[in-house]
Protein backbone atom coordinates (compact mmCIF):
# COMPACT_ATOMS: atom_id res chain seq x y z
CA UNK A 1 0.00 0.00 0.00
CA UNK A 2 1.33 3.42 -0.86
CA UNK A 3 0.56 5.26 2.36
CA UNK A 4 2.40 8.58 2.59
CA UNK A 5 3.30 10.69 5.61
CA UNK A 6 3.18 14.27 4.29
CA UNK A 7 0.63 15.13 1.62
CA UNK A 8 2.22 16.77 -1.40
CA UNK A 9 0.61 17.14 -4.80
CA UNK A 10 -2.46 15.06 -5.56
CA UNK A 11 -3.17 12.71 -2.65
CA UNK A 12 -6.22 10.84 -1.43
CA UNK A 13 -7.49 10.90 2.13
CA UNK A 14 -9.00 8.29 4.44
CA UNK A 15 -10.50 9.66 7.65
CA UNK A 16 -11.11 7.63 10.79
CA UNK A 17 -13.89 8.60 13.19
CA UNK A 18 -14.36 7.30 16.74
CA UNK A 19 -17.91 6.64 17.94
CA UNK A 20 -18.83 6.06 21.58
CA UNK A 21 -22.33 5.48 22.88
CA UNK A 22 -23.42 8.38 25.06
CA UNK A 23 -20.50 10.59 24.00
CA UNK A 24 -20.99 10.97 20.25
CA UNK A 25 -18.20 11.02 17.69
CA UNK A 26 -14.83 12.68 17.09
CA UNK A 27 -12.01 12.64 14.58
CA UNK A 28 -9.62 9.76 15.30
CA UNK A 29 -6.94 9.81 12.56
CA UNK A 30 -6.22 10.66 8.92
CA UNK A 31 -4.16 8.68 6.41
CA UNK A 32 -3.02 9.86 2.98
CA UNK A 33 -2.38 7.71 -0.10
CA UNK A 34 -0.84 8.47 -3.46
CA UNK A 35 -3.61 6.76 -5.40
CA UNK A 36 -7.38 6.66 -5.16
CA UNK A 37 -7.84 2.90 -5.53
CA UNK A 38 -5.61 2.15 -2.53
CA UNK A 39 -7.26 4.82 -0.40
CA UNK A 40 -10.74 3.46 -1.15
CA UNK A 41 -9.57 -0.10 -0.51
CA UNK A 42 -8.00 0.87 2.84
CA UNK A 43 -11.35 2.17 4.09
CA UNK A 44 -13.16 -0.97 2.89
CA UNK A 45 -10.57 -3.34 4.38
CA UNK A 46 -10.47 -1.53 7.72
CA UNK A 47 -14.24 -1.62 8.09
CA UNK A 48 -14.48 -5.29 7.06
CA UNK A 49 -11.88 -6.22 9.67
CA UNK A 50 -13.03 -4.02 12.56
CA UNK A 51 -16.73 -3.31 11.96
CA UNK A 52 -18.22 -6.67 11.17
CA UNK A 53 -20.88 -7.09 13.88
CA UNK A 54 -24.63 -7.14 13.27
CA UNK A 55 -25.11 -4.07 15.48
CA UNK A 56 -22.99 -1.11 16.54
CA UNK A 57 -20.92 -1.75 19.70
CA UNK A 58 -20.57 0.82 22.49
CA UNK A 59 -17.23 1.98 21.02
CA UNK A 60 -15.81 1.66 17.51
CA UNK A 61 -13.80 3.45 14.84
CA UNK A 62 -15.01 3.75 11.25
CA UNK A 63 -12.88 4.51 8.18
CA UNK A 64 -14.24 6.64 5.33
CA UNK A 65 -12.70 7.50 1.99
CA UNK A 66 -12.75 11.32 2.02
CA UNK A 67 -11.61 12.01 -1.54
CA UNK A 68 -8.83 13.88 -3.25
CA UNK A 69 -6.86 16.52 -1.37
CA UNK A 70 -5.95 19.51 -3.49
C-alpha atoms as a PDB file:
ATOM      1  CA  UNK A   1       0.000   0.000   0.000  1.00  0.00           C
ATOM      2  CA  UNK A   2       1.326   3.420  -0.861  1.00  0.00           C
ATOM      3  CA  UNK A   3       0.561   5.264   2.364  1.00  0.00           C
ATOM      4  CA  UNK A   4       2.404   8.579   2.588  1.00  0.00           C
ATOM      5  CA  UNK A   5       3.300  10.694   5.612  1.00  0.00           C
ATOM      6  CA  UNK A   6       3.177  14.266   4.292  1.00  0.00           C
ATOM      7  CA  UNK A   7       0.627  15.125   1.615  1.00  0.00           C
ATOM      8  CA  UNK A   8       2.221  16.771  -1.402  1.00  0.00           C
ATOM      9  CA  UNK A   9       0.613  17.142  -4.800  1.00  0.00           C
ATOM     10  CA  UNK A  10      -2.459  15.058  -5.555  1.00  0.00           C
ATOM     11  CA  UNK A  11      -3.165  12.710  -2.655  1.00  0.00           C
ATOM     12  CA  UNK A  12      -6.222  10.837  -1.432  1.00  0.00           C
ATOM     13  CA  UNK A  13      -7.491  10.903   2.134  1.00  0.00           C
ATOM     14  CA  UNK A  14      -8.999   8.290   4.444  1.00  0.00           C
ATOM     15  CA  UNK A  15     -10.503   9.664   7.651  1.00  0.00           C
ATOM     16  CA  UNK A  16     -11.108   7.628  10.787  1.00  0.00           C
ATOM     17  CA  UNK A  17     -13.894   8.605  13.188  1.00  0.00           C
ATOM     18  CA  UNK A  18     -14.359   7.298  16.736  1.00  0.00           C
ATOM     19  CA  UNK A  19     -17.905   6.640  17.942  1.00  0.00           C
ATOM     20  CA  UNK A  20     -18.827   6.059  21.577  1.00  0.00           C
ATOM     21  CA  UNK A  21     -22.332   5.482  22.878  1.00  0.00           C
ATOM     22  CA  UNK A  22     -23.423   8.382  25.065  1.00  0.00           C
ATOM     23  CA  UNK A  23     -20.499  10.586  23.997  1.00  0.00           C
ATOM     24  CA  UNK A  24     -20.989  10.973  20.247  1.00  0.00           C
ATOM     25  CA  UNK A  25     -18.198  11.025  17.694  1.00  0.00           C
ATOM     26  CA  UNK A  26     -14.835  12.684  17.091  1.00  0.00           C
ATOM     27  CA  UNK A  27     -12.014  12.641  14.582  1.00  0.00           C
ATOM     28  CA  UNK A  28      -9.618   9.756  15.297  1.00  0.00           C
ATOM     29  CA  UNK A  29      -6.943   9.808  12.558  1.00  0.00           C
ATOM     30  CA  UNK A  30      -6.225  10.660   8.919  1.00  0.00           C
ATOM     31  CA  UNK A  31      -4.158   8.680   6.414  1.00  0.00           C
ATOM     32  CA  UNK A  32      -3.016   9.855   2.980  1.00  0.00           C
ATOM     33  CA  UNK A  33      -2.381   7.710  -0.098  1.00  0.00           C
ATOM     34  CA  UNK A  34      -0.838   8.466  -3.460  1.00  0.00           C
ATOM     35  CA  UNK A  35      -3.611   6.757  -5.404  1.00  0.00           C
ATOM     36  CA  UNK A  36      -7.379   6.661  -5.162  1.00  0.00           C
ATOM     37  CA  UNK A  37      -7.842   2.901  -5.530  1.00  0.00           C
ATOM     38  CA  UNK A  38      -5.613   2.148  -2.535  1.00  0.00           C
ATOM     39  CA  UNK A  39      -7.260   4.818  -0.396  1.00  0.00           C
ATOM     40  CA  UNK A  40     -10.744   3.456  -1.149  1.00  0.00           C
ATOM     41  CA  UNK A  41      -9.575  -0.100  -0.509  1.00  0.00           C
ATOM     42  CA  UNK A  42      -7.996   0.872   2.835  1.00  0.00           C
ATOM     43  CA  UNK A  43     -11.354   2.167   4.089  1.00  0.00           C
ATOM     44  CA  UNK A  44     -13.158  -0.971   2.887  1.00  0.00           C
ATOM     45  CA  UNK A  45     -10.567  -3.339   4.377  1.00  0.00           C
ATOM     46  CA  UNK A  46     -10.475  -1.527   7.724  1.00  0.00           C
ATOM     47  CA  UNK A  47     -14.245  -1.622   8.087  1.00  0.00           C
ATOM     48  CA  UNK A  48     -14.476  -5.286   7.060  1.00  0.00           C
ATOM     49  CA  UNK A  49     -11.879  -6.223   9.671  1.00  0.00           C
ATOM     50  CA  UNK A  50     -13.031  -4.023  12.562  1.00  0.00           C
ATOM     51  CA  UNK A  51     -16.729  -3.310  11.955  1.00  0.00           C
ATOM     52  CA  UNK A  52     -18.225  -6.673  11.172  1.00  0.00           C
ATOM     53  CA  UNK A  53     -20.875  -7.089  13.880  1.00  0.00           C
ATOM     54  CA  UNK A  54     -24.627  -7.141  13.268  1.00  0.00           C
ATOM     55  CA  UNK A  55     -25.111  -4.065  15.483  1.00  0.00           C
ATOM     56  CA  UNK A  56     -22.986  -1.108  16.541  1.00  0.00           C
ATOM     57  CA  UNK A  57     -20.921  -1.746  19.702  1.00  0.00           C
ATOM     58  CA  UNK A  58     -20.569   0.825  22.493  1.00  0.00           C
ATOM     59  CA  UNK A  59     -17.233   1.979  21.025  1.00  0.00           C
ATOM     60  CA  UNK A  60     -15.815   1.664  17.514  1.00  0.00           C
ATOM     61  CA  UNK A  61     -13.797   3.452  14.837  1.00  0.00           C
ATOM     62  CA  UNK A  62     -15.012   3.747  11.249  1.00  0.00           C
ATOM     63  CA  UNK A  63     -12.876   4.508   8.177  1.00  0.00           C
ATOM     64  CA  UNK A  64     -14.241   6.645   5.327  1.00  0.00           C
ATOM     65  CA  UNK A  65     -12.701   7.504   1.990  1.00  0.00           C
ATOM     66  CA  UNK A  66     -12.745  11.321   2.017  1.00  0.00           C
ATOM     67  CA  UNK A  67     -11.614  12.013  -1.541  1.00  0.00           C
ATOM     68  CA  UNK A  68      -8.829  13.880  -3.254  1.00  0.00           C
ATOM     69  CA  UNK A  69      -6.863  16.525  -1.370  1.00  0.00           C
ATOM     70  CA  UNK A  70      -5.953  19.505  -3.491  1.00  0.00           C
END
